[in-house]
Structure formats: C-alpha cells, structure tokens
PDB file of N, CA and C in Angstrom:
ATOM      1  N   MET A   1     153.392 219.496  10.649  1.00  0.00           N
ATOM      2  CA  MET A   1     152.412 218.453  10.884  1.00  0.00           C
ATOM      3  C   MET A   1     151.645 218.760  12.168  1.00  0.00           C
ATOM      4  N   LEU A   2     150.351 218.527  12.130  1.00  0.00           N
ATOM      5  CA  LEU A   2     149.520 218.776  13.293  1.00  0.00           C
ATOM      6  C   LEU A   2     149.724 217.687  14.343  1.00  0.00           C
ATOM      7  N   SER A   3     149.555 218.070  15.598  1.00  0.00           N
ATOM      8  CA  SER A   3     149.622 217.075  16.664  1.00  0.00           C
ATOM      9  C   SER A   3     148.298 216.302  16.706  1.00  0.00           C
ATOM     10  N   ILE A   4     148.306 215.166  17.377  1.00  0.00           N
ATOM     11  CA  ILE A   4     147.086 214.370  17.525  1.00  0.00           C
ATOM     12  C   ILE A   4     146.003 215.198  18.216  1.00  0.00           C
ATOM     13  N   ALA A   5     146.384 215.977  19.219  1.00  0.00           N
ATOM     14  CA  ALA A   5     145.409 216.811  19.935  1.00  0.00           C
ATOM     15  C   ALA A   5     144.775 217.833  18.988  1.00  0.00           C
ATOM     16  N   GLN A   6     145.570 218.431  18.104  1.00  0.00           N
ATOM     17  CA  GLN A   6     145.029 219.399  17.145  1.00  0.00           C
ATOM     18  C   GLN A   6     144.088 218.717  16.152  1.00  0.00           C
ATOM     19  N   ILE A   7     144.467 217.535  15.701  1.00  0.00           N
ATOM     20  CA  ILE A   7     143.616 216.784  14.761  1.00  0.00           C
ATOM     21  C   ILE A   7     142.292 216.443  15.428  1.00  0.00           C
ATOM     22  N   LEU A   8     142.356 215.948  16.664  1.00  0.00           N
ATOM     23  CA  LEU A   8     141.127 215.602  17.379  1.00  0.00           C
ATOM     24  C   LEU A   8     140.260 216.834  17.619  1.00  0.00           C
ATOM     25  N   GLY A   9     140.885 217.947  17.969  1.00  0.00           N
ATOM     26  CA  GLY A   9     140.134 219.181  18.212  1.00  0.00           C
ATOM     27  C   GLY A   9     139.430 219.673  16.966  1.00  0.00           C
ATOM     28  N   ALA A  10     140.142 219.712  15.850  1.00  0.00           N
ATOM     29  CA  ALA A  10     139.542 220.153  14.588  1.00  0.00           C
ATOM     30  C   ALA A  10     138.450 219.186  14.146  1.00  0.00           C
ATOM     31  N   SER A  11     138.704 217.884  14.292  1.00  0.00           N
ATOM     32  CA  SER A  11     137.706 216.882  13.907  1.00  0.00           C
ATOM     33  C   SER A  11     136.461 217.001  14.757  1.00  0.00           C
ATOM     34  N   ASP A  12     136.647 217.241  16.044  1.00  0.00           N
ATOM     35  CA  ASP A  12     135.506 217.392  16.953  1.00  0.00           C
ATOM     36  C   ASP A  12     134.627 218.562  16.522  1.00  0.00           C
ATOM     37  N   ILE A  13     135.245 219.690  16.238  1.00  0.00           N
ATOM     38  CA  ILE A  13     134.493 220.882  15.811  1.00  0.00           C
ATOM     39  C   ILE A  13     133.764 220.626  14.494  1.00  0.00           C
ATOM     40  N   ASN A  14     134.505 220.113  13.507  1.00  0.00           N
ATOM     41  CA  ASN A  14     133.904 219.870  12.191  1.00  0.00           C
ATOM     42  C   ASN A  14     132.813 218.805  12.252  1.00  0.00           C
ATOM     43  N   ASN A  15     133.053 217.734  13.007  1.00  0.00           N
ATOM     44  CA  ASN A  15     132.065 216.661  13.084  1.00  0.00           C
ATOM     45  C   ASN A  15     130.812 217.088  13.831  1.00  0.00           C
ATOM     46  N   ARG A  16     130.948 217.944  14.835  1.00  0.00           N
ATOM     47  CA  ARG A  16     129.754 218.487  15.507  1.00  0.00           C
ATOM     48  C   ARG A  16     128.930 219.303  14.510  1.00  0.00           C
ATOM     49  N   ARG A  17     129.615 220.136  13.755  1.00  0.00           N
ATOM     50  CA  ARG A  17     128.942 220.963  12.754  1.00  0.00           C
ATOM     51  C   ARG A  17     128.215 220.095  11.727  1.00  0.00           C
ATOM     52  N   ASP A  18     128.863 219.016  11.293  1.00  0.00           N
ATOM     53  CA  ASP A  18     128.328 218.175  10.226  1.00  0.00           C
ATOM     54  C   ASP A  18     127.537 216.969  10.734  1.00  0.00           C
ATOM     55  N   GLU A  19     127.353 216.894  12.058  1.00  0.00           N
ATOM     56  CA  GLU A  19     126.598 215.800  12.682  1.00  0.00           C
ATOM     57  C   GLU A  19     127.176 214.421  12.342  1.00  0.00           C
ATOM     58  N   LEU A  20     128.505 214.316  12.422  1.00  0.00           N
ATOM     59  CA  LEU A  20     129.208 213.057  12.197  1.00  0.00           C
ATOM     60  C   LEU A  20     129.750 212.548  13.523  1.00  0.00           C
ATOM     61  N   ARG A  21     129.981 211.251  13.587  1.00  0.00           N
ATOM     62  CA  ARG A  21     130.586 210.625  14.755  1.00  0.00           C
ATOM     63  C   ARG A  21     131.787 209.824  14.271  1.00  0.00           C
ATOM     64  N   GLY A  22     132.808 209.738  15.124  1.00  0.00           N
ATOM     65  CA  GLY A  22     133.979 209.012  14.663  1.00  0.00           C
ATOM     66  C   GLY A  22     134.840 208.456  15.769  1.00  0.00           C
ATOM     67  N   LEU A  23     135.619 207.465  15.381  1.00  0.00           N
ATOM     68  CA  LEU A  23     136.635 206.871  16.236  1.00  0.00           C
ATOM     69  C   LEU A  23     137.949 206.927  15.464  1.00  0.00           C
ATOM     70  N   LEU A  24     139.018 207.318  16.127  1.00  0.00           N
ATOM     71  CA  LEU A  24     140.320 207.493  15.487  1.00  0.00           C
ATOM     72  C   LEU A  24     141.364 206.642  16.194  1.00  0.00           C
ATOM     73  N   ILE A  25     142.101 205.889  15.394  1.00  0.00           N
ATOM     74  CA  ILE A  25     143.240 205.132  15.911  1.00  0.00           C
ATOM     75  C   ILE A  25     144.488 205.674  15.231  1.00  0.00           C
ATOM     76  N   PHE A  26     145.508 205.971  16.014  1.00  0.00           N
ATOM     77  CA  PHE A  26     146.805 206.391  15.495  1.00  0.00           C
ATOM     78  C   PHE A  26     147.823 205.388  16.003  1.00  0.00           C
ATOM     79  N   HIS A  27     148.529 204.756  15.065  1.00  0.00           N
ATOM     80  CA  HIS A  27     149.487 203.715  15.441  1.00  0.00           C
ATOM     81  C   HIS A  27     150.624 203.700  14.432  1.00  0.00           C
ATOM     82  N   ARG A  28     151.832 203.865  14.922  1.00  0.00           N
ATOM     83  CA  ARG A  28     153.036 203.804  14.084  1.00  0.00           C
ATOM     84  C   ARG A  28     152.962 204.715  12.861  1.00  0.00           C
ATOM     85  N   GLY A  29     152.510 205.925  13.073  1.00  0.00           N
ATOM     86  CA  GLY A  29     152.482 206.908  11.998  1.00  0.00           C
ATOM     87  C   GLY A  29     151.305 206.789  11.044  1.00  0.00           C
ATOM     88  N   GLN A  30     150.379 205.870  11.313  1.00  0.00           N
ATOM     89  CA  GLN A  30     149.212 205.708  10.449  1.00  0.00           C
ATOM     90  C   GLN A  30     147.940 206.013  11.227  1.00  0.00           C
ATOM     91  N   PHE A  31     146.960 206.544  10.505  1.00  0.00           N
ATOM     92  CA  PHE A  31     145.653 206.823  11.074  1.00  0.00           C
ATOM     93  C   PHE A  31     144.630 205.873  10.463  1.00  0.00           C
ATOM     94  N   MET A  32     143.670 205.480  11.279  1.00  0.00           N
ATOM     95  CA  MET A  32     142.525 204.731  10.789  1.00  0.00           C
ATOM     96  C   MET A  32     141.312 205.304  11.516  1.00  0.00           C
ATOM     97  N   GLN A  33     140.265 205.589  10.736  1.00  0.00           N
ATOM     98  CA  GLN A  33     139.067 206.171  11.320  1.00  0.00           C
ATOM     99  C   GLN A  33     137.830 205.385  10.943  1.00  0.00           C
ATOM    100  N   LEU A  34     136.902 205.374  11.867  1.00  0.00           N
ATOM    101  CA  LEU A  34     135.549 204.936  11.597  1.00  0.00           C
ATOM    102  C   LEU A  34     134.723 206.208  11.681  1.00  0.00           C
ATOM    103  N   ILE A  35     134.012 206.522  10.616  1.00  0.00           N
ATOM    104  CA  ILE A  35     133.213 207.745  10.592  1.00  0.00           C
ATOM    105  C   ILE A  35     131.789 207.368  10.233  1.00  0.00           C
ATOM    106  N   GLU A  36     130.835 207.854  11.006  1.00  0.00           N
ATOM    107  CA  GLU A  36     129.422 207.539  10.795  1.00  0.00           C
ATOM    108  C   GLU A  36     128.622 208.830  10.689  1.00  0.00           C
ATOM    109  N   GLY A  37     127.592 208.785   9.872  1.00  0.00           N
ATOM    110  CA  GLY A  37     126.714 209.936   9.720  1.00  0.00           C
ATOM    111  C   GLY A  37     125.833 209.760   8.501  1.00  0.00           C
ATOM    112  N   GLN A  38     125.137 210.822   8.158  1.00  0.00           N
ATOM    113  CA  GLN A  38     124.266 210.808   6.989  1.00  0.00           C
ATOM    114  C   GLN A  38     125.124 210.813   5.720  1.00  0.00           C
ATOM    115  N   ARG A  39     124.643 210.154   4.680  1.00  0.00           N
ATOM    116  CA  ARG A  39     125.387 210.005   3.418  1.00  0.00           C
ATOM    117  C   ARG A  39     125.874 211.346   2.881  1.00  0.00           C
ATOM    118  N   ILE A  40     125.029 212.348   2.825  1.00  0.00           N
ATOM    119  CA  ILE A  40     125.425 213.640   2.245  1.00  0.00           C
ATOM    120  C   ILE A  40     126.566 214.272   3.042  1.00  0.00           C
ATOM    121  N   ASP A  41     126.519 214.121   4.373  1.00  0.00           N
ATOM    122  CA  ASP A  41     127.565 214.690   5.230  1.00  0.00           C
ATOM    123  C   ASP A  41     128.879 213.923   5.081  1.00  0.00           C
ATOM    124  N   LEU A  42     128.785 212.603   4.945  1.00  0.00           N
ATOM    125  CA  LEU A  42     129.990 211.788   4.733  1.00  0.00           C
ATOM    126  C   LEU A  42     130.634 212.095   3.390  1.00  0.00           C
ATOM    127  N   ASP A  43     129.805 212.250   2.350  1.00  0.00           N
ATOM    128  CA  ASP A  43     130.335 212.584   1.026  1.00  0.00           C
ATOM    129  C   ASP A  43     131.045 213.933   1.049  1.00  0.00           C
ATOM    130  N   ARG A  44     130.470 214.905   1.742  1.00  0.00           N
ATOM    131  CA  ARG A  44     131.081 216.236   1.852  1.00  0.00           C
ATOM    132  C   ARG A  44     132.423 216.146   2.578  1.00  0.00           C
ATOM    133  N   LEU A  45     132.483 215.349   3.650  1.00  0.00           N
ATOM    134  CA  LEU A  45     133.727 215.168   4.384  1.00  0.00           C
ATOM    135  C   LEU A  45     134.794 214.529   3.496  1.00  0.00           C
ATOM    136  N   LEU A  46     134.452 213.461   2.802  1.00  0.00           N
ATOM    137  CA  LEU A  46     135.426 212.780   1.949  1.00  0.00           C
ATOM    138  C   LEU A  46     135.943 213.689   0.843  1.00  0.00           C
ATOM    139  N   THR A  47     135.092 214.512   0.281  1.00  0.00           N
ATOM    140  CA  THR A  47     135.532 215.465  -0.744  1.00  0.00           C
ATOM    141  C   THR A  47     136.540 216.436  -0.147  1.00  0.00           C
ATOM    142  N   ARG A  48     136.236 216.965   1.036  1.00  0.00           N
ATOM    143  CA  ARG A  48     137.165 217.882   1.710  1.00  0.00           C
ATOM    144  C   ARG A  48     138.510 217.209   1.973  1.00  0.00           C
ATOM    145  N   LEU A  49     138.482 215.978   2.475  1.00  0.00           N
ATOM    146  CA  LEU A  49     139.723 215.279   2.816  1.00  0.00           C
ATOM    147  C   LEU A  49     140.564 214.987   1.582  1.00  0.00           C
ATOM    148  N   ARG A  50     139.913 214.619   0.499  1.00  0.00           N
ATOM    149  CA  ARG A  50     140.663 214.284  -0.723  1.00  0.00           C
ATOM    150  C   ARG A  50     141.387 215.497  -1.310  1.00  0.00           C
ATOM    151  N   PHE A  51     140.854 216.698  -1.080  1.00  0.00           N
ATOM    152  CA  PHE A  51     141.485 217.908  -1.601  1.00  0.00           C
ATOM    153  C   PHE A  51     142.401 218.584  -0.584  1.00  0.00           C
ATOM    154  N   ASP A  52     142.505 218.014   0.612  1.00  0.00           N
ATOM    155  CA  ASP A  52     143.357 218.561   1.660  1.00  0.00           C
ATOM    156  C   ASP A  52     144.749 217.942   1.511  1.00  0.00           C
ATOM    157  N   PRO A  53     145.782 218.748   1.238  1.00  0.00           N
ATOM    158  CA  PRO A  53     147.122 218.199   1.005  1.00  0.00           C
ATOM    159  C   PRO A  53     147.729 217.499   2.229  1.00  0.00           C
ATOM    160  N   ARG A  54     147.150 217.690   3.400  1.00  0.00           N
ATOM    161  CA  ARG A  54     147.664 217.009   4.599  1.00  0.00           C
ATOM    162  C   ARG A  54     147.265 215.541   4.632  1.00  0.00           C
ATOM    163  N   HIS A  55     146.319 215.151   3.790  1.00  0.00           N
ATOM    164  CA  HIS A  55     145.849 213.762   3.747  1.00  0.00           C
ATOM    165  C   HIS A  55     146.423 213.052   2.533  1.00  0.00           C
ATOM    166  N   GLU A  56     146.997 211.891   2.774  1.00  0.00           N
ATOM    167  CA  GLU A  56     147.584 211.097   1.696  1.00  0.00           C
ATOM    168  C   GLU A  56     147.064 209.670   1.786  1.00  0.00           C
ATOM    169  N   ASN A  57     146.989 209.025   0.638  1.00  0.00           N
ATOM    170  CA  ASN A  57     146.651 207.601   0.587  1.00  0.00           C
ATOM    171  C   ASN A  57     145.351 207.260   1.325  1.00  0.00           C
ATOM    172  N   ILE A  58     144.328 208.063   1.117  1.00  0.00           N
ATOM    173  CA  ILE A  58     143.031 207.779   1.742  1.00  0.00           C
ATOM    174  C   ILE A  58     142.439 206.541   1.077  1.00  0.00           C
ATOM    175  N   ARG A  59     142.090 205.578   1.897  1.00  0.00           N
ATOM    176  CA  ARG A  59     141.452 204.352   1.406  1.00  0.00           C
ATOM    177  C   ARG A  59     140.183 204.114   2.206  1.00  0.00           C
ATOM    178  N   MET A  60     139.103 203.885   1.527  1.00  0.00           N
ATOM    179  CA  MET A  60     137.861 203.553   2.196  1.00  0.00           C
ATOM    180  C   MET A  60     137.752 202.034   2.227  1.00  0.00           C
ATOM    181  N   LEU A  61     137.605 201.494   3.419  1.00  0.00           N
ATOM    182  CA  LEU A  61     137.526 200.048   3.560  1.00  0.00           C
ATOM    183  C   LEU A  61     136.089 199.544   3.455  1.00  0.00           C
ATOM    184  N   VAL A  62     135.163 200.294   4.014  1.00  0.00           N
ATOM    185  CA  VAL A  62     133.750 199.902   4.001  1.00  0.00           C
ATOM    186  C   VAL A  62     132.925 201.151   3.771  1.00  0.00           C
ATOM    187  N   ASP A  63     131.944 201.028   2.919  1.00  0.00           N
ATOM    188  CA  ASP A  63     131.004 202.118   2.668  1.00  0.00           C
ATOM    189  C   ASP A  63     129.625 201.476   2.596  1.00  0.00           C
ATOM    190  N   GLU A  64     128.960 201.429   3.739  1.00  0.00           N
ATOM    191  CA  GLU A  64     127.656 200.772   3.770  1.00  0.00           C
ATOM    192  C   GLU A  64     126.768 201.411   4.829  1.00  0.00           C
ATOM    193  N   ASN A  65     125.477 201.204   4.658  1.00  0.00           N
ATOM    194  CA  ASN A  65     124.524 201.667   5.658  1.00  0.00           C
ATOM    195  C   ASN A  65     124.655 200.803   6.904  1.00  0.00           C
ATOM    196  N   VAL A  66     124.617 201.458   8.055  1.00  0.00           N
ATOM    197  CA  VAL A  66     124.713 200.752   9.328  1.00  0.00           C
ATOM    198  C   VAL A  66     123.318 200.356   9.772  1.00  0.00           C
ATOM    199  N   ILE A  67     123.190 199.097  10.109  1.00  0.00           N
ATOM    200  CA  ILE A  67     121.927 198.613  10.658  1.00  0.00           C
ATOM    201  C   ILE A  67     122.143 198.460  12.156  1.00  0.00           C
ATOM    202  N   GLY A  68     121.283 199.057  12.935  1.00  0.00           N
ATOM    203  CA  GLY A  68     121.443 199.008  14.382  1.00  0.00           C
ATOM    204  C   GLY A  68     122.106 200.269  14.890  1.00  0.00           C
ATOM    205  N   GLU A  69     122.557 200.190  16.107  1.00  0.00           N
ATOM    206  CA  GLU A  69     123.161 201.347  16.758  1.00  0.00           C
ATOM    207  C   GLU A  69     124.560 201.615  16.202  1.00  0.00           C
ATOM    208  N   PRO A  70     124.914 202.891  16.029  1.00  0.00           N
ATOM    209  CA  PRO A  70     126.274 203.219  15.572  1.00  0.00           C
ATOM    210  C   PRO A  70     127.287 202.922  16.676  1.00  0.00           C
ATOM    211  N   LEU A  71     128.539 202.709  16.279  1.00  0.00           N
ATOM    212  CA  LEU A  71     129.611 202.484  17.262  1.00  0.00           C
ATOM    213  C   LEU A  71     130.032 203.789  17.915  1.00  0.00           C
ATOM    214  N   GLY A  72     130.146 204.831  17.115  1.00  0.00           N
ATOM    215  CA  GLY A  72     130.608 206.113  17.646  1.00  0.00           C
ATOM    216  C   GLY A  72     129.455 206.941  18.180  1.00  0.00           C
ATOM    217  N   VAL A  73     129.642 207.507  19.351  1.00  0.00           N
ATOM    218  CA  VAL A  73     128.635 208.407  19.895  1.00  0.00           C
ATOM    219  C   VAL A  73     129.201 209.807  20.125  1.00  0.00           C
ATOM    220  N   HIS A  74     130.501 209.946  19.923  1.00  0.00           N
ATOM    221  CA  HIS A  74     131.163 211.237  20.088  1.00  0.00           C
ATOM    222  C   HIS A  74     131.567 211.758  18.716  1.00  0.00           C
ATOM    223  N   PRO A  75     131.657 213.080  18.562  1.00  0.00           N
ATOM    224  CA  PRO A  75     132.100 213.628  17.269  1.00  0.00           C
ATOM    225  C   PRO A  75     133.444 213.047  16.827  1.00  0.00           C
ATOM    226  N   MET A  76     134.375 212.845  17.754  1.00  0.00           N
ATOM    227  CA  MET A  76     135.631 212.175  17.423  1.00  0.00           C
ATOM    228  C   MET A  76     136.276 211.729  18.731  1.00  0.00           C
ATOM    229  N   ALA A  77     136.463 210.430  18.869  1.00  0.00           N
ATOM    230  CA  ALA A  77     137.109 209.872  20.053  1.00  0.00           C
ATOM    231  C   ALA A  77     138.382 209.161  19.619  1.00  0.00           C
ATOM    232  N   ARG A  78     139.427 209.357  20.379  1.00  0.00           N
ATOM    233  CA  ARG A  78     140.690 208.669  20.088  1.00  0.00           C
ATOM    234  C   ARG A  78     140.695 207.327  20.798  1.00  0.00           C
ATOM    235  N   ILE A  79     141.081 206.311  20.068  1.00  0.00           N
ATOM    236  CA  ILE A  79     141.205 204.971  20.616  1.00  0.00           C
ATOM    237  C   ILE A  79     142.664 204.761  21.011  1.00  0.00           C
ATOM    238  N   ALA A  80     142.896 204.485  22.269  1.00  0.00           N
ATOM    239  CA  ALA A  80     144.258 204.209  22.730  1.00  0.00           C
ATOM    240  C   ALA A  80     144.675 202.819  22.263  1.00  0.00           C
ATOM    241  N   VAL A  81     145.891 202.718  21.787  1.00  0.00           N
ATOM    242  CA  VAL A  81     146.412 201.423  21.345  1.00  0.00           C
ATOM    243  C   VAL A  81     147.094 200.772  22.548  1.00  0.00           C
ATOM    244  N   ASP A  82     146.255 200.163  23.376  1.00  0.00           N
ATOM    245  CA  ASP A  82     146.741 199.414  24.530  1.00  0.00           C
ATOM    246  C   ASP A  82     145.748 198.301  24.832  1.00  0.00           C
ATOM    247  N   GLY A  83     146.070 197.453  25.748  1.00  0.00           N
ATOM    248  CA  GLY A  83     145.175 196.376  26.146  1.00  0.00           C
ATOM    249  C   GLY A  83     144.715 195.520  24.973  1.00  0.00           C
ATOM    250  N   LYS A  84     143.400 195.321  24.889  1.00  0.00           N
ATOM    251  CA  LYS A  84     142.819 194.476  23.840  1.00  0.00           C
ATOM    252  C   LYS A  84     143.110 195.017  22.446  1.00  0.00           C
ATOM    253  N   VAL A  85     143.060 196.327  22.292  1.00  0.00           N
ATOM    254  CA  VAL A  85     143.298 196.938  20.978  1.00  0.00           C
ATOM    255  C   VAL A  85     144.723 196.648  20.518  1.00  0.00           C
ATOM    256  N   ALA A  86     145.690 196.823  21.394  1.00  0.00           N
ATOM    257  CA  ALA A  86     147.088 196.551  21.043  1.00  0.00           C
ATOM    258  C   ALA A  86     147.279 195.076  20.707  1.00  0.00           C
ATOM    259  N   ALA A  87     146.624 194.203  21.455  1.00  0.00           N
ATOM    260  CA  ALA A  87     146.749 192.763  21.191  1.00  0.00           C
ATOM    261  C   ALA A  87     146.178 192.412  19.820  1.00  0.00           C
ATOM    262  N   MET A  88     145.093 193.082  19.422  1.00  0.00           N
ATOM    263  CA  MET A  88     144.480 192.803  18.118  1.00  0.00           C
ATOM    264  C   MET A  88     145.354 193.293  16.969  1.00  0.00           C
ATOM    265  N   ILE A  89     146.044 194.407  17.169  1.00  0.00           N
ATOM    266  CA  ILE A  89     146.918 194.951  16.119  1.00  0.00           C
ATOM    267  C   ILE A  89     148.220 194.171  16.063  1.00  0.00           C
ATOM    268  N   GLY A  90     148.756 193.840  17.219  1.00  0.00           N
ATOM    269  CA  GLY A  90     150.035 193.135  17.258  1.00  0.00           C
ATOM    270  C   GLY A  90     151.147 194.010  16.720  1.00  0.00           C
ATOM    271  N   ASP A  91     152.045 193.420  15.967  1.00  0.00           N
ATOM    272  CA  ASP A  91     153.184 194.151  15.410  1.00  0.00           C
ATOM    273  C   ASP A  91     152.911 194.684  14.011  1.00  0.00           C
ATOM    274  N   ARG A  92     151.683 194.531  13.534  1.00  0.00           N
ATOM    275  CA  ARG A  92     151.372 194.904  12.151  1.00  0.00           C
ATOM    276  C   ARG A  92     151.062 196.394  12.026  1.00  0.00           C
ATOM    277  N   PRO A  93     151.409 196.979  10.884  1.00  0.00           N
ATOM    278  CA  PRO A  93     150.925 198.333  10.594  1.00  0.00           C
ATOM    279  C   PRO A  93     149.416 198.271  10.353  1.00  0.00           C
ATOM    280  N   LEU A  94     148.734 199.370  10.559  1.00  0.00           N
ATOM    281  CA  LEU A  94     147.276 199.396  10.393  1.00  0.00           C
ATOM    282  C   LEU A  94     146.837 198.993   8.992  1.00  0.00           C
ATOM    283  N   ASP A  95     147.610 199.377   7.982  1.00  0.00           N
ATOM    284  CA  ASP A  95     147.191 199.071   6.615  1.00  0.00           C
ATOM    285  C   ASP A  95     147.394 197.604   6.232  1.00  0.00           C
ATOM    286  N   CYS A  96     147.891 196.808   7.165  1.00  0.00           N
ATOM    287  CA  CYS A  96     148.034 195.370   6.910  1.00  0.00           C
ATOM    288  C   CYS A  96     146.914 194.549   7.551  1.00  0.00           C
ATOM    289  N   LEU A  97     146.005 195.213   8.236  1.00  0.00           N
ATOM    290  CA  LEU A  97     144.882 194.502   8.842  1.00  0.00           C
ATOM    291  C   LEU A  97     143.835 194.191   7.781  1.00  0.00           C
ATOM    292  N   SER A  98     143.220 193.027   7.894  1.00  0.00           N
ATOM    293  CA  SER A  98     142.144 192.659   6.982  1.00  0.00           C
ATOM    294  C   SER A  98     140.857 193.381   7.393  1.00  0.00           C
ATOM    295  N   LEU A  99     139.890 193.410   6.493  1.00  0.00           N
ATOM    296  CA  LEU A  99     138.620 194.055   6.808  1.00  0.00           C
ATOM    297  C   LEU A  99     137.959 193.439   8.041  1.00  0.00           C
ATOM    298  N   PRO A 100     137.876 192.112   8.163  1.00  0.00           N
ATOM    299  CA  PRO A 100     137.294 191.556   9.396  1.00  0.00           C
ATOM    300  C   PRO A 100     138.073 191.958  10.657  1.00  0.00           C
ATOM    301  N   GLN A 101     139.400 192.077  10.544  1.00  0.00           N
ATOM    302  CA  GLN A 101     140.195 192.505  11.690  1.00  0.00           C
ATOM    303  C   GLN A 101     139.907 193.959  12.048  1.00  0.00           C
ATOM    304  N   VAL A 102     139.746 194.804  11.035  1.00  0.00           N
ATOM    305  CA  VAL A 102     139.432 196.215  11.275  1.00  0.00           C
ATOM    306  C   VAL A 102     138.061 196.353  11.936  1.00  0.00           C
ATOM    307  N   GLU A 103     137.086 195.627  11.421  1.00  0.00           N
ATOM    308  CA  GLU A 103     135.743 195.679  12.003  1.00  0.00           C
ATOM    309  C   GLU A 103     135.762 195.217  13.457  1.00  0.00           C
ATOM    310  N   ALA A 104     136.468 194.122  13.737  1.00  0.00           N
ATOM    311  CA  ALA A 104     136.576 193.628  15.109  1.00  0.00           C
ATOM    312  C   ALA A 104     137.319 194.623  15.994  1.00  0.00           C
ATOM    313  N   LEU A 105     138.333 195.260  15.429  1.00  0.00           N
ATOM    314  CA  LEU A 105     139.120 196.241  16.172  1.00  0.00           C
ATOM    315  C   LEU A 105     138.252 197.408  16.632  1.00  0.00           C
ATOM    316  N   PHE A 106     137.471 197.981  15.723  1.00  0.00           N
ATOM    317  CA  PHE A 106     136.626 199.118  16.102  1.00  0.00           C
ATOM    318  C   PHE A 106     135.503 198.701  17.041  1.00  0.00           C
ATOM    319  N   THR A 107     134.955 197.520  16.856  1.00  0.00           N
ATOM    320  CA  THR A 107     133.908 197.044  17.763  1.00  0.00           C
ATOM    321  C   THR A 107     134.468 196.868  19.169  1.00  0.00           C
ATOM    322  N   THR A 108     135.628 196.242  19.269  1.00  0.00           N
ATOM    323  CA  THR A 108     136.275 196.040  20.561  1.00  0.00           C
ATOM    324  C   THR A 108     136.650 197.375  21.193  1.00  0.00           C
ATOM    325  N   ALA A 109     137.192 198.277  20.390  1.00  0.00           N
ATOM    326  CA  ALA A 109     137.595 199.592  20.908  1.00  0.00           C
ATOM    327  C   ALA A 109     136.386 200.345  21.452  1.00  0.00           C
ATOM    328  N   ALA A 110     135.270 200.316  20.727  1.00  0.00           N
ATOM    329  CA  ALA A 110     134.060 201.009  21.182  1.00  0.00           C
ATOM    330  C   ALA A 110     133.563 200.416  22.491  1.00  0.00           C
ATOM    331  N   GLU A 111     133.592 199.096  22.603  1.00  0.00           N
ATOM    332  CA  GLU A 111     133.151 198.445  23.837  1.00  0.00           C
ATOM    333  C   GLU A 111     134.098 198.763  24.982  1.00  0.00           C
ATOM    334  N   THR A 112     135.390 198.765  24.701  1.00  0.00           N
ATOM    335  CA  THR A 112     136.392 199.047  25.722  1.00  0.00           C
ATOM    336  C   THR A 112     136.232 200.463  26.282  1.00  0.00           C
ATOM    337  N   LEU A 113     135.926 201.389  25.397  1.00  0.00           N
ATOM    338  CA  LEU A 113     135.754 202.789  25.820  1.00  0.00           C
ATOM    339  C   LEU A 113     134.334 203.080  26.252  1.00  0.00           C
ATOM    340  N   ASP A 114     133.489 202.067  26.229  1.00  0.00           N
ATOM    341  CA  ASP A 114     132.091 202.192  26.617  1.00  0.00           C
ATOM    342  C   ASP A 114     131.379 203.230  25.746  1.00  0.00           C
ATOM    343  N   LEU A 115     131.770 203.299  24.448  1.00  0.00           N
ATOM    344  CA  LEU A 115     131.132 204.235  23.529  1.00  0.00           C
ATOM    345  C   LEU A 115     129.899 203.629  22.873  1.00  0.00           C
ATOM    346  N   ALA A 116     129.770 202.327  22.903  1.00  0.00           N
ATOM    347  CA  ALA A 116     128.651 201.676  22.245  1.00  0.00           C
ATOM    348  C   ALA A 116     127.378 201.786  23.063  1.00  0.00           C
ATOM    349  N   ALA A 117     127.505 202.073  24.333  1.00  0.00           N
ATOM    350  CA  ALA A 117     126.326 202.136  25.216  1.00  0.00           C
ATOM    351  C   ALA A 117     125.568 203.420  25.046  1.00  0.00           C
TER     352      ALA A 117
END
C-alpha cells in the first residue's frame, strides 16, 4: 500500500499534467476527495481510477458544474483532520457523512487552509 505522501506526490504530478485541482481527506482508513477541472479531464481521471486495482468502492457524491470560484487551487492538497474539520467529522467514518455535511466539510477545510483565496 502506498503512503499518504506517495499518493499526494503522484496525484500532484498527474493533476498538474491534467490541469486538475483537488483536496484530499484521509481519516480512519478512508479517503475522500474533491476534484475540480474540465469535464474531459475529470472523465479521463475517473476511468483511470476505476481500472486501477488500488482503488476500491469509488463513489461519486456530486457531479456538477461549479459556479463561481473553485475550492481547490492546488493540484492536490491534503486536509488535516484537526480543529474545525475534526469537529465536523466527529466519530463518524467518512462514508457516513451526508452530502450537505461533505460539502460543508470541504468548504470549511478550504477556508481553514486559505485555499479558497
């Protein structure tokens, strides 16, 4: 299994190449990502991930055009699960969060890391 640093490094390289931006949360053995970019680039990424045996149980929570400024400004930034982010997650696994909770989580994380500016 790859380390978080290796995942972030590979994602950074690939996302720069594909002009994608992302935020990654790792909590209790689960990953959750917000990925933004052009539709064709996102579709190519999802196809790659679905055929990569290292990825399991991929679920897309939202697939919509973003109106306004994107949350992610870096090819891939890791969100630390502490402070406000930890309080929003609580004791729940990531896959137990509702869509409004996930959206609030990424918005708060981006603001906390000053990535939205």
